[in-house]
Amino acid sequence: MTREQVDQLISVNVDKLAPEFIETIRERLLDADEGVAQAAFANLKGSTMMFLIAFFLGGYGVDRFMLGETGLGVAKLLTCGGCGIWALIDLFTVGGRTKKYNAEKILSQI
């Protein structure tokens, strides 16, 4: 991919990526095929959507399951969100965890 294509792809999705991964993603995209890069960015999860899921279904661990944290999702489900405390804490951390999940997903695909 060209540098302009990479910059455009990253700028469109910058709100869905953790800042500490952006340079690594940029470097790998420069060597990647355009089709592979587009596919890697196709199904990113949005922070707002994940916040709403954590708000309404966080006590059941759905947010953890969706971010690939199956063990923590089961633990959160069995403890009813840690009696609500864990679910409340996750409301504040779900955005960062979503961005990190998206960045790691992209890096694994390119």
C-alpha atoms as a PDB file:
ATOM      1  CA  MET A   1       0.000   0.000   0.000  1.00  0.00           C
ATOM      2  CA  THR A   2       1.098   3.561  -0.504  1.00  0.00           C
ATOM      3  CA  ARG A   3       1.727   5.886   2.402  1.00  0.00           C
ATOM      4  CA  GLU A   4      -1.325   7.998   1.441  1.00  0.00           C
ATOM      5  CA  GLN A   5      -3.606   4.952   1.435  1.00  0.00           C
ATOM      6  CA  VAL A   6      -2.277   3.855   4.813  1.00  0.00           C
ATOM      7  CA  ASP A   7      -2.723   7.318   6.310  1.00  0.00           C
ATOM      8  CA  GLN A   8      -6.270   7.528   4.964  1.00  0.00           C
ATOM      9  CA  LEU A   9      -7.201   4.083   6.305  1.00  0.00           C
ATOM     10  CA  ILE A  10      -5.801   4.882   9.728  1.00  0.00           C
ATOM     11  CA  SER A  11      -7.356   8.364   9.897  1.00  0.00           C
ATOM     12  CA  VAL A  12     -10.807   6.946   9.141  1.00  0.00           C
ATOM     13  CA  ASN A  13     -10.455   4.359  11.931  1.00  0.00           C
ATOM     14  CA  VAL A  14      -8.281   6.222  14.454  1.00  0.00           C
ATOM     15  CA  ASP A  15     -11.131   6.431  16.981  1.00  0.00           C
ATOM     16  CA  LYS A  16     -11.350   2.610  17.030  1.00  0.00           C
ATOM     17  CA  LEU A  17      -7.643   1.968  17.676  1.00  0.00           C
ATOM     18  CA  ALA A  18      -5.459   2.208  20.766  1.00  0.00           C
ATOM     19  CA  PRO A  19      -2.869   4.989  20.246  1.00  0.00           C
ATOM     20  CA  GLU A  20       0.080   2.829  21.288  1.00  0.00           C
ATOM     21  CA  PHE A  21      -0.551   0.442  18.362  1.00  0.00           C
ATOM     22  CA  ILE A  22      -1.014   2.969  15.547  1.00  0.00           C
ATOM     23  CA  GLU A  23       2.651   3.231  14.502  1.00  0.00           C
ATOM     24  CA  THR A  24       3.065  -0.549  14.443  1.00  0.00           C
ATOM     25  CA  ILE A  25      -0.095  -0.892  12.350  1.00  0.00           C
ATOM     26  CA  ARG A  26       1.129   1.854  10.001  1.00  0.00           C
ATOM     27  CA  GLU A  27       4.468   0.080   9.453  1.00  0.00           C
ATOM     28  CA  ARG A  28       2.821  -3.279   8.747  1.00  0.00           C
ATOM     29  CA  LEU A  29       0.243  -1.750   6.409  1.00  0.00           C
ATOM     30  CA  LEU A  30       2.974  -0.290   4.225  1.00  0.00           C
ATOM     31  CA  ASP A  31       4.103  -3.846   3.439  1.00  0.00           C
ATOM     32  CA  ALA A  32       0.594  -5.347   3.191  1.00  0.00           C
ATOM     33  CA  ASP A  33      -1.625  -5.934   0.192  1.00  0.00           C
ATOM     34  CA  GLU A  34      -4.533  -3.486  -0.124  1.00  0.00           C
ATOM     35  CA  GLY A  35      -7.192  -6.220  -0.057  1.00  0.00           C
ATOM     36  CA  VAL A  36      -5.756  -7.747   3.107  1.00  0.00           C
ATOM     37  CA  ALA A  37      -5.613  -4.340   4.766  1.00  0.00           C
ATOM     38  CA  GLN A  38      -9.222  -3.521   3.872  1.00  0.00           C
ATOM     39  CA  ALA A  39     -10.340  -6.905   5.204  1.00  0.00           C
ATOM     40  CA  ALA A  40      -8.460  -6.357   8.475  1.00  0.00           C
ATOM     41  CA  PHE A  41     -10.326  -3.096   9.070  1.00  0.00           C
ATOM     42  CA  ALA A  42     -13.721  -4.453   7.974  1.00  0.00           C
ATOM     43  CA  ASN A  43     -15.356  -5.537  11.249  1.00  0.00           C
ATOM     44  CA  LEU A  44     -13.964  -3.335  13.991  1.00  0.00           C
ATOM     45  CA  LYS A  45     -16.032  -2.863  17.103  1.00  0.00           C
ATOM     46  CA  GLY A  46     -17.069   0.641  18.094  1.00  0.00           C
ATOM     47  CA  SER A  47     -16.424   1.982  21.594  1.00  0.00           C
ATOM     48  CA  THR A  48     -19.901   3.497  21.845  1.00  0.00           C
ATOM     49  CA  MET A  49     -21.577   0.234  20.889  1.00  0.00           C
ATOM     50  CA  MET A  50     -19.466  -1.674  23.412  1.00  0.00           C
ATOM     51  CA  PHE A  51     -20.313   0.894  26.109  1.00  0.00           C
ATOM     52  CA  LEU A  52     -24.024   0.354  25.489  1.00  0.00           C
ATOM     53  CA  ILE A  53     -23.561  -3.402  25.589  1.00  0.00           C
ATOM     54  CA  ALA A  54     -21.613  -3.087  28.853  1.00  0.00           C
ATOM     55  CA  PHE A  55     -24.316  -0.820  30.269  1.00  0.00           C
ATOM     56  CA  PHE A  56     -27.280  -3.026  29.421  1.00  0.00           C
ATOM     57  CA  LEU A  57     -25.725  -6.512  29.414  1.00  0.00           C
ATOM     58  CA  GLY A  58     -22.563  -6.028  31.464  1.00  0.00           C
ATOM     59  CA  GLY A  59     -23.891  -7.948  34.440  1.00  0.00           C
ATOM     60  CA  TYR A  60     -24.071 -11.004  32.203  1.00  0.00           C
ATOM     61  CA  GLY A  61     -20.516 -10.603  30.892  1.00  0.00           C
ATOM     62  CA  VAL A  62     -21.586 -10.066  27.278  1.00  0.00           C
ATOM     63  CA  ASP A  63     -19.036  -7.276  26.809  1.00  0.00           C
ATOM     64  CA  ARG A  64     -16.226  -9.588  27.912  1.00  0.00           C
ATOM     65  CA  PHE A  65     -17.406 -12.376  25.609  1.00  0.00           C
ATOM     66  CA  MET A  66     -17.522  -9.989  22.632  1.00  0.00           C
ATOM     67  CA  LEU A  67     -13.935  -8.889  23.249  1.00  0.00           C
ATOM     68  CA  GLY A  68     -12.681 -12.457  23.305  1.00  0.00           C
ATOM     69  CA  GLU A  69     -12.257 -12.663  27.085  1.00  0.00           C
ATOM     70  CA  THR A  70     -14.252 -15.860  27.533  1.00  0.00           C
ATOM     71  CA  GLY A  71     -12.908 -16.826  30.967  1.00  0.00           C
ATOM     72  CA  LEU A  72     -13.621 -13.402  32.420  1.00  0.00           C
ATOM     73  CA  GLY A  73     -17.014 -13.401  30.731  1.00  0.00           C
ATOM     74  CA  VAL A  74     -17.942 -16.650  32.453  1.00  0.00           C
ATOM     75  CA  ALA A  75     -16.669 -15.353  35.799  1.00  0.00           C
ATOM     76  CA  LYS A  76     -18.627 -12.134  35.374  1.00  0.00           C
ATOM     77  CA  LEU A  77     -21.734 -14.098  34.413  1.00  0.00           C
ATOM     78  CA  LEU A  78     -21.497 -16.392  37.438  1.00  0.00           C
ATOM     79  CA  THR A  79     -20.966 -13.499  39.867  1.00  0.00           C
ATOM     80  CA  CYS A  80     -23.639 -11.266  38.290  1.00  0.00           C
ATOM     81  CA  GLY A  81     -21.015  -8.728  37.318  1.00  0.00           C
ATOM     82  CA  GLY A  82     -19.193  -9.034  40.631  1.00  0.00           C
ATOM     83  CA  CYS A  83     -22.388  -7.991  42.432  1.00  0.00           C
ATOM     84  CA  GLY A  84     -22.521  -4.975  40.148  1.00  0.00           C
ATOM     85  CA  ILE A  85     -19.129  -3.590  41.125  1.00  0.00           C
ATOM     86  CA  TRP A  86     -17.228  -5.294  38.326  1.00  0.00           C
ATOM     87  CA  ALA A  87     -19.927  -4.277  35.825  1.00  0.00           C
ATOM     88  CA  LEU A  88     -19.642  -0.649  36.971  1.00  0.00           C
ATOM     89  CA  ILE A  89     -15.853  -0.647  36.640  1.00  0.00           C
ATOM     90  CA  ASP A  90     -16.153  -2.147  33.152  1.00  0.00           C
ATOM     91  CA  LEU A  91     -18.297   0.811  32.069  1.00  0.00           C
ATOM     92  CA  PHE A  92     -15.242   3.013  32.492  1.00  0.00           C
ATOM     93  CA  THR A  93     -12.728   0.609  30.932  1.00  0.00           C
ATOM     94  CA  VAL A  94     -14.662  -0.887  28.023  1.00  0.00           C
ATOM     95  CA  GLY A  95     -13.611   1.848  25.579  1.00  0.00           C
ATOM     96  CA  GLY A  96      -9.903   1.258  26.082  1.00  0.00           C
ATOM     97  CA  ARG A  97     -10.296  -2.501  26.005  1.00  0.00           C
ATOM     98  CA  THR A  98     -12.270  -2.254  22.752  1.00  0.00           C
ATOM     99  CA  LYS A  99      -9.581  -0.140  21.079  1.00  0.00           C
ATOM    100  CA  LYS A 100      -6.874  -2.551  22.206  1.00  0.00           C
ATOM    101  CA  TYR A 101      -8.911  -5.529  20.942  1.00  0.00           C
ATOM    102  CA  ASN A 102      -9.353  -3.869  17.535  1.00  0.00           C
ATOM    103  CA  ALA A 103      -5.637  -3.062  17.232  1.00  0.00           C
ATOM    104  CA  GLU A 104      -4.578  -6.590  18.193  1.00  0.00           C
ATOM    105  CA  LYS A 105      -7.095  -8.042  15.728  1.00  0.00           C
ATOM    106  CA  ILE A 106      -5.690  -5.922  12.900  1.00  0.00           C
ATOM    107  CA  LEU A 107      -2.100  -6.811  13.783  1.00  0.00           C
ATOM    108  CA  SER A 108      -2.926 -10.506  13.761  1.00  0.00           C
ATOM    109  CA  GLN A 109      -4.444 -10.234  10.262  1.00  0.00           C
ATOM    110  CA  ILE A 110      -1.737  -8.199   8.527  1.00  0.00           C
END
